[in-house]
N, C-alpha and C. Protein backbone atom coordinates (compact mmCIF):
# COMPACT_ATOMS: atom_id res chain seq x y z
N ASN A 1 -103.01 92.32 -41.29
CA ASN A 1 -103.45 91.90 -42.63
C ASN A 1 -103.37 93.06 -43.62
N ILE A 2 -103.71 94.24 -43.16
CA ILE A 2 -103.61 95.43 -44.02
C ILE A 2 -102.16 95.68 -44.40
N GLN A 3 -101.27 95.55 -43.42
CA GLN A 3 -99.83 95.73 -43.69
C GLN A 3 -99.35 94.69 -44.70
N GLN A 4 -99.87 93.47 -44.56
CA GLN A 4 -99.49 92.39 -45.47
C GLN A 4 -99.93 92.71 -46.90
N GLU A 5 -101.15 93.22 -47.04
CA GLU A 5 -101.67 93.58 -48.36
C GLU A 5 -100.85 94.70 -48.99
N ARG A 6 -100.31 95.58 -48.15
CA ARG A 6 -99.49 96.69 -48.66
C ARG A 6 -98.03 96.30 -48.86
N SER A 7 -97.72 95.02 -48.66
CA SER A 7 -96.34 94.52 -48.77
C SER A 7 -95.41 95.15 -47.75
N ASP A 8 -95.99 95.62 -46.64
CA ASP A 8 -95.18 96.15 -45.54
C ASP A 8 -94.83 94.96 -44.64
N TYR A 9 -93.98 94.09 -45.16
CA TYR A 9 -93.78 92.77 -44.54
C TYR A 9 -93.19 92.85 -43.14
N ASP A 10 -92.20 93.72 -42.92
CA ASP A 10 -91.57 93.81 -41.61
C ASP A 10 -92.59 94.17 -40.53
N SER A 11 -93.40 95.18 -40.81
CA SER A 11 -94.42 95.60 -39.84
C SER A 11 -95.46 94.51 -39.63
N ALA A 12 -95.83 93.84 -40.72
CA ALA A 12 -96.82 92.76 -40.62
C ALA A 12 -96.30 91.61 -39.76
N ILE A 13 -95.03 91.26 -39.94
CA ILE A 13 -94.44 90.18 -39.15
C ILE A 13 -94.45 90.53 -37.67
N ILE A 14 -94.12 91.78 -37.35
CA ILE A 14 -94.15 92.23 -35.95
C ILE A 14 -95.56 92.12 -35.38
N SER A 15 -96.54 92.57 -36.17
CA SER A 15 -97.93 92.55 -35.69
C SER A 15 -98.43 91.12 -35.47
N PHE A 16 -98.13 90.24 -36.43
CA PHE A 16 -98.57 88.84 -36.29
C PHE A 16 -97.85 88.15 -35.13
N THR A 17 -96.58 88.50 -34.89
CA THR A 17 -95.84 87.92 -33.77
C THR A 17 -96.47 88.34 -32.45
N ARG A 18 -96.87 89.61 -32.35
CA ARG A 18 -97.55 90.10 -31.14
C ARG A 18 -98.89 89.38 -30.95
N ALA A 19 -99.59 89.19 -32.07
CA ALA A 19 -100.88 88.49 -32.01
C ALA A 19 -100.69 87.06 -31.53
N ALA A 20 -99.64 86.40 -32.02
CA ALA A 20 -99.36 85.02 -31.60
C ALA A 20 -99.06 84.94 -30.10
N LYS A 21 -98.27 85.89 -29.59
CA LYS A 21 -97.92 85.89 -28.17
C LYS A 21 -99.16 86.16 -27.31
N ALA A 22 -100.01 87.10 -27.76
CA ALA A 22 -101.24 87.40 -27.02
C ALA A 22 -102.16 86.19 -26.99
N ALA A 23 -102.26 85.50 -28.13
CA ALA A 23 -103.11 84.31 -28.21
C ALA A 23 -102.56 83.19 -27.32
N GLN A 24 -101.24 83.07 -27.28
CA GLN A 24 -100.62 82.05 -26.44
C GLN A 24 -100.92 82.30 -24.96
N LEU A 25 -100.83 83.57 -24.54
CA LEU A 25 -101.09 83.93 -23.15
C LEU A 25 -102.54 83.67 -22.75
N SER A 26 -103.45 83.82 -23.73
CA SER A 26 -104.87 83.62 -23.43
C SER A 26 -105.33 82.21 -23.78
N GLY A 27 -104.40 81.36 -24.20
CA GLY A 27 -104.74 79.96 -24.47
C GLY A 27 -105.55 79.72 -25.72
N GLN A 28 -105.50 80.66 -26.67
CA GLN A 28 -106.26 80.51 -27.92
C GLN A 28 -105.36 79.93 -29.01
N LYS A 29 -105.25 78.61 -29.01
CA LYS A 29 -104.33 77.95 -29.92
C LYS A 29 -104.67 78.20 -31.39
N ASN A 30 -105.96 78.26 -31.68
CA ASN A 30 -106.36 78.44 -33.09
C ASN A 30 -105.92 79.81 -33.62
N ILE A 31 -106.03 80.85 -32.77
CA ILE A 31 -105.60 82.19 -33.18
C ILE A 31 -104.08 82.25 -33.31
N GLU A 32 -103.40 81.59 -32.38
CA GLU A 32 -101.94 81.53 -32.44
C GLU A 32 -101.48 80.84 -33.73
N ALA A 33 -102.18 79.75 -34.09
CA ALA A 33 -101.85 79.02 -35.32
C ALA A 33 -102.06 79.89 -36.55
N ILE A 34 -103.16 80.64 -36.58
CA ILE A 34 -103.43 81.53 -37.71
C ILE A 34 -102.33 82.57 -37.86
N ALA A 35 -101.91 83.13 -36.73
CA ALA A 35 -100.84 84.15 -36.75
C ALA A 35 -99.54 83.57 -37.30
N TYR A 36 -99.17 82.38 -36.84
CA TYR A 36 -97.93 81.75 -37.32
C TYR A 36 -98.03 81.39 -38.81
N ASN A 37 -99.20 80.93 -39.22
CA ASN A 37 -99.39 80.63 -40.64
C ASN A 37 -99.23 81.88 -41.50
N ASN A 38 -99.76 83.00 -41.02
CA ASN A 38 -99.61 84.26 -41.75
C ASN A 38 -98.15 84.70 -41.82
N ILE A 39 -97.41 84.48 -40.74
CA ILE A 39 -95.98 84.80 -40.78
C ILE A 39 -95.28 83.90 -41.81
N GLY A 40 -95.68 82.64 -41.86
CA GLY A 40 -95.13 81.73 -42.84
C GLY A 40 -95.38 82.20 -44.26
N GLN A 41 -96.58 82.73 -44.51
CA GLN A 41 -96.90 83.24 -45.84
C GLN A 41 -96.07 84.48 -46.18
N LEU A 42 -95.83 85.31 -45.17
CA LEU A 42 -94.97 86.47 -45.38
C LEU A 42 -93.54 86.06 -45.71
N MET A 43 -93.06 85.03 -45.01
CA MET A 43 -91.72 84.52 -45.28
C MET A 43 -91.63 83.94 -46.69
N GLU A 44 -92.69 83.32 -47.14
CA GLU A 44 -92.76 82.84 -48.53
C GLU A 44 -92.64 84.02 -49.49
N GLY A 45 -93.31 85.11 -49.13
CA GLY A 45 -93.31 86.30 -49.98
C GLY A 45 -91.93 86.93 -50.12
N ILE A 46 -91.12 86.83 -49.08
CA ILE A 46 -89.77 87.40 -49.15
C ILE A 46 -88.72 86.32 -49.48
N LYS A 47 -89.21 85.15 -49.87
CA LYS A 47 -88.38 84.02 -50.34
C LYS A 47 -87.48 83.43 -49.27
N ASP A 48 -87.89 83.57 -48.01
CA ASP A 48 -87.16 82.90 -46.93
C ASP A 48 -87.93 81.61 -46.63
N TYR A 49 -87.74 80.62 -47.50
CA TYR A 49 -88.59 79.43 -47.49
C TYR A 49 -88.38 78.56 -46.25
N LYS A 50 -87.16 78.51 -45.73
CA LYS A 50 -86.91 77.70 -44.53
C LYS A 50 -87.64 78.27 -43.32
N GLU A 51 -87.66 79.60 -43.21
CA GLU A 51 -88.42 80.23 -42.13
C GLU A 51 -89.92 80.06 -42.36
N ALA A 52 -90.34 80.08 -43.61
CA ALA A 52 -91.75 79.85 -43.94
C ALA A 52 -92.18 78.47 -43.44
N ILE A 53 -91.33 77.48 -43.69
CA ILE A 53 -91.62 76.11 -43.24
C ILE A 53 -91.66 76.05 -41.72
N ARG A 54 -90.74 76.74 -41.06
CA ARG A 54 -90.69 76.71 -39.59
C ARG A 54 -91.98 77.25 -38.98
N TYR A 55 -92.44 78.40 -39.48
CA TYR A 55 -93.64 79.01 -38.91
C TYR A 55 -94.91 78.21 -39.27
N THR A 56 -94.99 77.71 -40.49
CA THR A 56 -96.16 76.93 -40.86
C THR A 56 -96.19 75.61 -40.10
N SER A 57 -95.02 75.04 -39.81
CA SER A 57 -94.94 73.84 -38.98
C SER A 57 -95.49 74.11 -37.58
N MET A 58 -95.22 75.29 -37.06
CA MET A 58 -95.74 75.67 -35.74
C MET A 58 -97.26 75.75 -35.79
N ALA A 59 -97.81 76.27 -36.89
CA ALA A 59 -99.26 76.34 -37.05
C ALA A 59 -99.86 74.94 -37.08
N LEU A 60 -99.23 74.04 -37.82
CA LEU A 60 -99.70 72.65 -37.91
C LEU A 60 -99.66 71.97 -36.54
N GLU A 61 -98.59 72.20 -35.80
CA GLU A 61 -98.45 71.58 -34.48
C GLU A 61 -99.54 72.07 -33.53
N LEU A 62 -99.83 73.36 -33.56
CA LEU A 62 -100.85 73.93 -32.68
C LEU A 62 -102.25 73.42 -33.02
N ASP A 63 -102.49 73.13 -34.30
CA ASP A 63 -103.82 72.72 -34.74
C ASP A 63 -103.90 71.21 -34.99
N ARG A 64 -102.94 70.45 -34.45
CA ARG A 64 -102.89 69.01 -34.76
C ARG A 64 -104.12 68.25 -34.29
N GLU A 65 -104.85 68.81 -33.30
CA GLU A 65 -106.06 68.14 -32.83
C GLU A 65 -107.21 68.26 -33.83
N LYS A 66 -107.06 69.18 -34.80
CA LYS A 66 -108.13 69.38 -35.81
C LYS A 66 -107.60 68.96 -37.19
N LYS A 67 -107.08 67.75 -37.27
CA LYS A 67 -106.39 67.30 -38.47
C LYS A 67 -107.28 67.14 -39.69
N ASN A 68 -108.58 67.14 -39.48
CA ASN A 68 -109.49 66.98 -40.61
C ASN A 68 -110.23 68.28 -40.95
N SER A 69 -109.79 69.40 -40.36
CA SER A 69 -110.47 70.67 -40.61
C SER A 69 -109.93 71.34 -41.86
N LEU A 70 -110.73 72.21 -42.45
CA LEU A 70 -110.30 72.95 -43.64
C LEU A 70 -109.16 73.90 -43.30
N GLU A 71 -109.17 74.42 -42.09
CA GLU A 71 -108.09 75.33 -41.68
C GLU A 71 -106.76 74.57 -41.66
N TYR A 72 -106.78 73.35 -41.16
CA TYR A 72 -105.57 72.52 -41.13
C TYR A 72 -105.11 72.21 -42.55
N ALA A 73 -106.08 71.99 -43.45
CA ALA A 73 -105.75 71.70 -44.85
C ALA A 73 -105.04 72.89 -45.50
N VAL A 74 -105.43 74.11 -45.12
CA VAL A 74 -104.77 75.31 -45.65
C VAL A 74 -103.29 75.32 -45.26
N TYR A 75 -103.02 74.95 -44.00
CA TYR A 75 -101.63 74.91 -43.54
C TYR A 75 -100.84 73.84 -44.31
N LEU A 76 -101.49 72.69 -44.56
CA LEU A 76 -100.84 71.62 -45.34
C LEU A 76 -100.53 72.09 -46.76
N LEU A 77 -101.50 72.78 -47.36
CA LEU A 77 -101.30 73.30 -48.71
C LEU A 77 -100.15 74.31 -48.74
N ASN A 78 -100.11 75.18 -47.75
CA ASN A 78 -99.03 76.16 -47.68
C ASN A 78 -97.66 75.49 -47.51
N MET A 79 -97.62 74.42 -46.71
CA MET A 79 -96.36 73.68 -46.55
C MET A 79 -95.93 73.08 -47.88
N GLY A 80 -96.90 72.54 -48.63
CA GLY A 80 -96.59 72.02 -49.95
C GLY A 80 -96.01 73.08 -50.86
N ASN A 81 -96.57 74.28 -50.78
CA ASN A 81 -96.06 75.39 -51.60
C ASN A 81 -94.65 75.82 -51.19
N HIS A 82 -94.39 75.81 -49.87
CA HIS A 82 -93.04 76.17 -49.40
C HIS A 82 -92.00 75.19 -49.95
N TYR A 83 -92.32 73.89 -49.85
CA TYR A 83 -91.38 72.88 -50.35
C TYR A 83 -91.27 72.92 -51.87
N LYS A 84 -92.36 73.30 -52.53
CA LYS A 84 -92.32 73.49 -53.99
C LYS A 84 -91.32 74.60 -54.33
N SER A 85 -91.37 75.70 -53.56
CA SER A 85 -90.44 76.81 -53.78
C SER A 85 -89.00 76.38 -53.56
N LEU A 86 -88.79 75.43 -52.63
CA LEU A 86 -87.45 74.91 -52.35
C LEU A 86 -87.04 73.80 -53.33
N LYS A 87 -87.97 73.49 -54.26
CA LYS A 87 -87.75 72.41 -55.25
C LYS A 87 -87.53 71.06 -54.59
N ASN A 88 -88.21 70.86 -53.46
CA ASN A 88 -88.20 69.57 -52.77
C ASN A 88 -89.49 68.85 -53.13
N ALA A 89 -89.45 68.09 -54.23
CA ALA A 89 -90.66 67.50 -54.79
C ALA A 89 -91.31 66.49 -53.85
N ASP A 90 -90.51 65.65 -53.19
CA ASP A 90 -91.07 64.60 -52.33
C ASP A 90 -91.85 65.19 -51.16
N SER A 91 -91.25 66.16 -50.47
CA SER A 91 -91.95 66.78 -49.33
C SER A 91 -93.16 67.58 -49.81
N SER A 92 -93.02 68.25 -50.94
CA SER A 92 -94.13 69.01 -51.50
C SER A 92 -95.32 68.11 -51.77
N MET A 93 -95.06 66.98 -52.43
CA MET A 93 -96.13 66.03 -52.75
C MET A 93 -96.78 65.46 -51.49
N LYS A 94 -95.97 65.20 -50.48
CA LYS A 94 -96.49 64.66 -49.22
C LYS A 94 -97.58 65.57 -48.65
N TYR A 95 -97.29 66.86 -48.59
CA TYR A 95 -98.25 67.80 -48.00
C TYR A 95 -99.43 68.09 -48.93
N TYR A 96 -99.18 68.15 -50.23
CA TYR A 96 -100.29 68.33 -51.17
C TYR A 96 -101.28 67.18 -51.07
N ASN A 97 -100.77 65.96 -50.99
CA ASN A 97 -101.64 64.79 -50.94
C ASN A 97 -102.44 64.72 -49.64
N LEU A 98 -101.81 65.13 -48.53
CA LEU A 98 -102.53 65.18 -47.26
C LEU A 98 -103.65 66.22 -47.31
N ALA A 99 -103.36 67.38 -47.90
CA ALA A 99 -104.38 68.42 -48.03
C ALA A 99 -105.50 67.97 -48.96
N GLU A 100 -105.14 67.27 -50.03
CA GLU A 100 -106.14 66.82 -51.00
C GLU A 100 -107.19 65.92 -50.35
N LYS A 101 -106.76 65.05 -49.43
CA LYS A 101 -107.70 64.14 -48.76
C LYS A 101 -108.77 64.92 -48.00
N ILE A 102 -108.35 65.99 -47.33
CA ILE A 102 -109.31 66.80 -46.56
C ILE A 102 -110.23 67.56 -47.49
N TYR A 103 -109.65 68.20 -48.53
CA TYR A 103 -110.47 68.99 -49.46
C TYR A 103 -111.47 68.12 -50.21
N SER A 104 -111.06 66.90 -50.56
CA SER A 104 -111.96 66.00 -51.28
C SER A 104 -113.13 65.58 -50.41
N THR A 105 -112.84 65.29 -49.14
CA THR A 105 -113.89 64.89 -48.20
C THR A 105 -114.86 66.04 -47.94
N ALA A 106 -114.30 67.26 -47.86
CA ALA A 106 -115.13 68.44 -47.58
C ALA A 106 -115.77 69.02 -48.84
N HIS A 107 -115.41 68.46 -50.00
CA HIS A 107 -115.92 68.93 -51.30
C HIS A 107 -115.63 70.42 -51.52
N ASP A 108 -114.41 70.82 -51.15
CA ASP A 108 -113.98 72.20 -51.35
C ASP A 108 -113.28 72.29 -52.70
N SER A 109 -114.07 72.55 -53.74
CA SER A 109 -113.55 72.52 -55.11
C SER A 109 -112.59 73.67 -55.41
N VAL A 110 -112.85 74.83 -54.82
CA VAL A 110 -111.99 75.99 -55.06
C VAL A 110 -110.57 75.71 -54.55
N ALA A 111 -110.48 75.14 -53.35
CA ALA A 111 -109.17 74.80 -52.79
C ALA A 111 -108.49 73.70 -53.60
N LEU A 112 -109.28 72.75 -54.09
CA LEU A 112 -108.71 71.68 -54.91
C LEU A 112 -108.11 72.23 -56.20
N ILE A 113 -108.77 73.24 -56.78
CA ILE A 113 -108.25 73.87 -57.98
C ILE A 113 -106.85 74.44 -57.72
N GLN A 114 -106.72 75.16 -56.60
CA GLN A 114 -105.44 75.77 -56.24
C GLN A 114 -104.38 74.69 -56.00
N LEU A 115 -104.77 73.63 -55.28
CA LEU A 115 -103.83 72.57 -54.95
C LEU A 115 -103.32 71.87 -56.22
N MET A 116 -104.25 71.47 -57.09
CA MET A 116 -103.85 70.72 -58.28
C MET A 116 -103.03 71.58 -59.24
N TYR A 117 -103.34 72.88 -59.28
CA TYR A 117 -102.56 73.79 -60.13
C TYR A 117 -101.10 73.81 -59.68
N ASN A 118 -100.88 73.96 -58.38
CA ASN A 118 -99.51 74.00 -57.85
C ASN A 118 -98.83 72.64 -57.98
N ARG A 119 -99.58 71.58 -57.72
CA ARG A 119 -98.99 70.24 -57.79
C ARG A 119 -98.57 69.87 -59.21
N ALA A 120 -99.31 70.38 -60.19
CA ALA A 120 -98.99 70.09 -61.59
C ALA A 120 -97.58 70.51 -61.95
N PHE A 121 -97.13 71.64 -61.41
CA PHE A 121 -95.79 72.13 -61.74
C PHE A 121 -94.71 71.29 -61.06
N VAL A 122 -95.04 70.71 -59.90
CA VAL A 122 -94.10 69.79 -59.26
C VAL A 122 -93.96 68.54 -60.12
N TYR A 123 -95.10 68.02 -60.61
CA TYR A 123 -95.06 66.87 -61.51
C TYR A 123 -94.22 67.19 -62.75
N ALA A 124 -94.49 68.36 -63.35
CA ALA A 124 -93.79 68.73 -64.58
C ALA A 124 -92.28 68.86 -64.35
N ASN A 125 -91.90 69.45 -63.23
CA ASN A 125 -90.48 69.66 -62.93
C ASN A 125 -89.74 68.36 -62.63
N THR A 126 -90.50 67.31 -62.30
CA THR A 126 -89.86 66.01 -62.02
C THR A 126 -90.07 65.04 -63.18
N GLY A 127 -90.53 65.56 -64.32
CA GLY A 127 -90.65 64.75 -65.52
C GLY A 127 -91.92 63.91 -65.61
N LYS A 128 -92.85 64.11 -64.69
CA LYS A 128 -94.10 63.34 -64.71
C LYS A 128 -95.15 64.13 -65.47
N MET A 129 -94.93 64.24 -66.78
CA MET A 129 -95.75 65.13 -67.60
C MET A 129 -97.20 64.68 -67.69
N PHE A 130 -97.42 63.36 -67.77
CA PHE A 130 -98.80 62.86 -67.87
C PHE A 130 -99.61 63.27 -66.64
N LYS A 131 -99.00 63.13 -65.44
CA LYS A 131 -99.69 63.51 -64.21
C LYS A 131 -99.90 65.03 -64.14
N ALA A 132 -98.91 65.78 -64.63
CA ALA A 132 -99.02 67.24 -64.65
C ALA A 132 -100.19 67.67 -65.52
N LEU A 133 -100.28 67.11 -66.71
CA LEU A 133 -101.37 67.45 -67.63
C LEU A 133 -102.72 67.02 -67.07
N ALA A 134 -102.75 65.84 -66.42
CA ALA A 134 -104.01 65.35 -65.84
C ALA A 134 -104.52 66.31 -64.77
N ASP A 135 -103.60 66.80 -63.91
CA ASP A 135 -104.00 67.75 -62.87
C ASP A 135 -104.53 69.05 -63.49
N LEU A 136 -103.83 69.56 -64.50
CA LEU A 136 -104.23 70.84 -65.10
C LEU A 136 -105.55 70.72 -65.86
N ILE A 137 -105.78 69.57 -66.48
CA ILE A 137 -107.06 69.36 -67.17
C ILE A 137 -108.20 69.32 -66.15
N LEU A 138 -107.94 68.73 -64.98
CA LEU A 138 -108.94 68.74 -63.91
C LEU A 138 -109.18 70.16 -63.40
N VAL A 139 -108.10 70.94 -63.29
CA VAL A 139 -108.22 72.34 -62.87
C VAL A 139 -109.12 73.10 -63.84
N LEU A 140 -108.88 72.90 -65.13
CA LEU A 140 -109.68 73.58 -66.15
C LEU A 140 -111.13 73.12 -66.09
N ASP A 141 -111.34 71.82 -65.89
CA ASP A 141 -112.70 71.27 -65.80
C ASP A 141 -113.44 71.85 -64.59
N PHE A 142 -112.78 71.85 -63.42
CA PHE A 142 -113.38 72.42 -62.22
C PHE A 142 -113.69 73.91 -62.43
N SER A 143 -112.76 74.62 -63.03
CA SER A 143 -112.92 76.06 -63.23
C SER A 143 -114.09 76.37 -64.16
N ARG A 144 -114.27 75.56 -65.19
CA ARG A 144 -115.42 75.72 -66.08
C ARG A 144 -116.72 75.43 -65.34
N ARG A 145 -116.69 74.34 -64.56
CA ARG A 145 -117.90 73.90 -63.86
C ARG A 145 -118.37 74.92 -62.83
N TYR A 146 -117.40 75.52 -62.14
CA TYR A 146 -117.75 76.47 -61.08
C TYR A 146 -117.57 77.92 -61.51
N ASN A 147 -117.46 78.11 -62.83
CA ASN A 147 -117.44 79.45 -63.43
C ASN A 147 -116.35 80.34 -62.84
N SER A 148 -115.17 79.74 -62.65
CA SER A 148 -114.01 80.50 -62.18
C SER A 148 -113.19 80.93 -63.40
N THR A 149 -113.42 82.16 -63.85
CA THR A 149 -112.73 82.64 -65.04
C THR A 149 -111.23 82.70 -64.82
N GLU A 150 -110.82 83.16 -63.64
CA GLU A 150 -109.39 83.26 -63.34
C GLU A 150 -108.74 81.88 -63.38
N GLY A 151 -109.44 80.88 -62.82
CA GLY A 151 -108.93 79.52 -62.85
C GLY A 151 -108.76 79.01 -64.27
N GLN A 152 -109.72 79.34 -65.14
CA GLN A 152 -109.64 78.92 -66.53
C GLN A 152 -108.45 79.57 -67.24
N ILE A 153 -108.24 80.84 -66.98
CA ILE A 153 -107.13 81.57 -67.61
C ILE A 153 -105.79 80.96 -67.23
N TYR A 154 -105.59 80.76 -65.93
CA TYR A 154 -104.31 80.20 -65.47
C TYR A 154 -104.11 78.77 -65.95
N ALA A 155 -105.20 77.98 -65.95
CA ALA A 155 -105.09 76.59 -66.41
C ALA A 155 -104.75 76.54 -67.89
N CYS A 156 -105.40 77.39 -68.69
CA CYS A 156 -105.13 77.42 -70.13
C CYS A 156 -103.69 77.83 -70.41
N ASN A 157 -103.21 78.80 -69.67
CA ASN A 157 -101.83 79.25 -69.85
C ASN A 157 -100.84 78.12 -69.54
N ALA A 158 -101.05 77.45 -68.41
CA ALA A 158 -100.16 76.36 -68.02
C ALA A 158 -100.25 75.19 -68.99
N LEU A 159 -101.47 74.86 -69.42
CA LEU A 159 -101.65 73.75 -70.37
C LEU A 159 -100.99 74.07 -71.71
N SER A 160 -101.11 75.31 -72.16
CA SER A 160 -100.48 75.71 -73.41
C SER A 160 -98.96 75.53 -73.33
N GLU A 161 -98.39 75.96 -72.20
CA GLU A 161 -96.94 75.85 -72.01
C GLU A 161 -96.49 74.40 -72.00
N LEU A 162 -97.23 73.54 -71.26
CA LEU A 162 -96.83 72.15 -71.15
C LEU A 162 -97.07 71.37 -72.45
N MET A 163 -98.15 71.70 -73.14
CA MET A 163 -98.42 71.04 -74.42
C MET A 163 -97.32 71.34 -75.43
N LEU A 164 -96.86 72.57 -75.41
CA LEU A 164 -95.78 72.96 -76.33
C LEU A 164 -94.48 72.24 -76.00
N SER A 165 -94.15 72.20 -74.71
CA SER A 165 -92.92 71.51 -74.31
C SER A 165 -93.02 70.01 -74.51
N ASN A 166 -94.26 69.51 -74.63
CA ASN A 166 -94.49 68.09 -74.85
C ASN A 166 -94.64 67.75 -76.33
N GLY A 167 -94.37 68.75 -77.20
CA GLY A 167 -94.38 68.51 -78.64
C GLY A 167 -95.75 68.49 -79.28
N ASN A 168 -96.71 69.22 -78.69
CA ASN A 168 -98.06 69.27 -79.25
C ASN A 168 -98.47 70.73 -79.46
N PRO A 169 -97.92 71.41 -80.50
CA PRO A 169 -98.21 72.84 -80.70
C PRO A 169 -99.67 73.12 -81.05
N GLU A 170 -100.36 72.15 -81.67
CA GLU A 170 -101.77 72.36 -82.02
C GLU A 170 -102.61 72.54 -80.75
N LYS A 171 -102.43 71.63 -79.79
CA LYS A 171 -103.17 71.74 -78.52
C LYS A 171 -102.71 72.98 -77.75
N ALA A 172 -101.42 73.29 -77.82
CA ALA A 172 -100.90 74.48 -77.15
C ALA A 172 -101.59 75.73 -77.67
N LEU A 173 -101.79 75.78 -78.98
CA LEU A 173 -102.46 76.92 -79.60
C LEU A 173 -103.92 77.00 -79.17
N ASP A 174 -104.59 75.84 -79.12
CA ASP A 174 -106.00 75.81 -78.70
C ASP A 174 -106.16 76.37 -77.29
N TYR A 175 -105.30 75.93 -76.37
CA TYR A 175 -105.41 76.39 -74.98
C TYR A 175 -105.04 77.87 -74.85
N ALA A 176 -104.05 78.31 -75.60
CA ALA A 176 -103.69 79.73 -75.57
C ALA A 176 -104.86 80.59 -76.05
N ASN A 177 -105.51 80.17 -77.14
CA ASN A 177 -106.65 80.92 -77.67
C ASN A 177 -107.81 80.95 -76.67
N GLU A 178 -108.05 79.82 -76.01
CA GLU A 178 -109.14 79.77 -75.01
C GLU A 178 -108.83 80.72 -73.86
N GLY A 179 -107.57 80.72 -73.40
CA GLY A 179 -107.19 81.61 -72.31
C GLY A 179 -107.33 83.08 -72.69
N ILE A 180 -106.95 83.41 -73.92
CA ILE A 180 -107.06 84.79 -74.41
C ILE A 180 -108.53 85.22 -74.46
N ALA A 181 -109.38 84.32 -74.94
CA ALA A 181 -110.81 84.63 -75.02
C ALA A 181 -111.40 84.86 -73.63
N ARG A 182 -111.01 84.02 -72.66
CA ARG A 182 -111.52 84.18 -71.30
C ARG A 182 -111.01 85.48 -70.68
N ALA A 183 -109.76 85.83 -70.95
CA ALA A 183 -109.19 87.06 -70.40
C ALA A 183 -109.94 88.29 -70.91
N TYR A 184 -110.23 88.31 -72.21
CA TYR A 184 -110.96 89.44 -72.78
C TYR A 184 -112.40 89.51 -72.27
N SER A 185 -113.04 88.35 -72.16
CA SER A 185 -114.45 88.33 -71.75
C SER A 185 -114.64 88.78 -70.30
N SER A 186 -113.57 88.63 -69.50
CA SER A 186 -113.67 89.00 -68.08
C SER A 186 -112.91 90.28 -67.74
N ASN A 187 -112.38 90.94 -68.78
CA ASN A 187 -111.56 92.15 -68.57
C ASN A 187 -110.37 91.88 -67.66
N ASN A 188 -109.84 90.66 -67.73
CA ASN A 188 -108.68 90.27 -66.93
C ASN A 188 -107.45 90.29 -67.83
N TYR A 189 -106.86 91.46 -67.96
CA TYR A 189 -105.81 91.64 -68.97
C TYR A 189 -104.40 91.30 -68.47
N GLN A 190 -104.27 91.02 -67.18
CA GLN A 190 -102.95 90.84 -66.59
C GLN A 190 -102.19 89.68 -67.24
N GLN A 191 -102.90 88.60 -67.58
CA GLN A 191 -102.25 87.41 -68.12
C GLN A 191 -102.15 87.42 -69.65
N LEU A 192 -102.69 88.45 -70.29
CA LEU A 192 -102.68 88.47 -71.76
C LEU A 192 -101.27 88.44 -72.36
N PRO A 193 -100.28 89.20 -71.86
CA PRO A 193 -98.95 89.13 -72.45
C PRO A 193 -98.37 87.71 -72.44
N VAL A 194 -98.57 87.00 -71.32
CA VAL A 194 -98.06 85.63 -71.21
C VAL A 194 -98.79 84.71 -72.19
N LEU A 195 -100.10 84.88 -72.27
CA LEU A 195 -100.90 84.04 -73.16
C LEU A 195 -100.54 84.28 -74.63
N TYR A 196 -100.34 85.54 -74.99
CA TYR A 196 -99.95 85.85 -76.38
C TYR A 196 -98.54 85.31 -76.67
N ASN A 197 -97.70 85.30 -75.66
CA ASN A 197 -96.37 84.73 -75.84
C ASN A 197 -96.46 83.23 -76.10
N GLU A 198 -97.35 82.54 -75.36
CA GLU A 198 -97.56 81.11 -75.58
C GLU A 198 -98.14 80.87 -76.98
N LYS A 199 -99.08 81.72 -77.38
CA LYS A 199 -99.67 81.57 -78.71
C LYS A 199 -98.62 81.77 -79.80
N SER A 200 -97.77 82.77 -79.62
CA SER A 200 -96.72 83.03 -80.59
C SER A 200 -95.77 81.84 -80.72
N ALA A 201 -95.40 81.26 -79.56
CA ALA A 201 -94.50 80.11 -79.56
C ALA A 201 -95.13 78.91 -80.25
N ALA A 202 -96.44 78.71 -80.03
CA ALA A 202 -97.14 77.59 -80.67
C ALA A 202 -97.21 77.77 -82.18
N LEU A 203 -97.49 78.99 -82.63
CA LEU A 203 -97.54 79.28 -84.07
C LEU A 203 -96.16 79.10 -84.71
N LYS A 204 -95.14 79.54 -84.01
CA LYS A 204 -93.77 79.38 -84.52
C LYS A 204 -93.43 77.90 -84.66
N ALA A 205 -93.84 77.10 -83.68
CA ALA A 205 -93.56 75.66 -83.71
C ALA A 205 -94.27 74.98 -84.89
N GLN A 206 -95.37 75.60 -85.34
CA GLN A 206 -96.10 75.06 -86.49
C GLN A 206 -95.57 75.61 -87.81
N GLY A 207 -94.57 76.49 -87.73
CA GLY A 207 -94.01 77.07 -88.93
C GLY A 207 -94.72 78.30 -89.45
N ASN A 208 -95.66 78.81 -88.68
CA ASN A 208 -96.43 79.98 -89.09
C ASN A 208 -95.77 81.22 -88.49
N TYR A 209 -94.64 81.62 -89.08
CA TYR A 209 -93.80 82.67 -88.50
C TYR A 209 -94.45 84.06 -88.58
N GLN A 210 -95.19 84.32 -89.65
CA GLN A 210 -95.81 85.64 -89.80
C GLN A 210 -96.86 85.86 -88.72
N ALA A 211 -97.69 84.84 -88.50
CA ALA A 211 -98.71 84.94 -87.45
C ALA A 211 -98.06 85.03 -86.09
N ALA A 212 -96.97 84.29 -85.88
CA ALA A 212 -96.25 84.34 -84.62
C ALA A 212 -95.70 85.73 -84.34
N PHE A 213 -95.17 86.36 -85.39
CA PHE A 213 -94.66 87.72 -85.26
C PHE A 213 -95.78 88.69 -84.89
N MET A 214 -96.91 88.56 -85.53
CA MET A 214 -98.05 89.43 -85.24
C MET A 214 -98.52 89.25 -83.80
């Protein structure tokens, strides 16, 4: 895990592979599944999405007896993300929806925020803008309710982008301003350039070129 955090992917893959083999020899299927899921996440990080799917599928197969567990839902969510990266909307939606059932039953709101955020972009990329906006509005609502500043920032950024592409620069500007305010209040400056870019685009769309330039 330390190697993974340092982006030392090759070493991390070797370590997780050894962990999986050790777990297999000792009959610890849950540990073996965790190791394979981590390898899948590493493969996602290096954009080898087909290998990511292969390893995460192995994790799902090993944990198939715990189909209603939160750990299993994580693997389903990761599979949805892999297929999202491959731009396979149908398969992505299949796994997102399976994960959503578990998260909803377990009332895991933080995981639901992550799931709906990712699913919204699949909706948007397939032209289902109403569903995309509905998911992102729920993400923003959940993030406000559970005081997730980061969730609010990302949701505002995505909503601003989609509102603008949907021909609503006024709403795009409102969401960009909200995201900027949340970023400053939490000292989370990483997303500010993107948010200011969205704000500039919304102002330009309204014909306010001087403000957009600023």
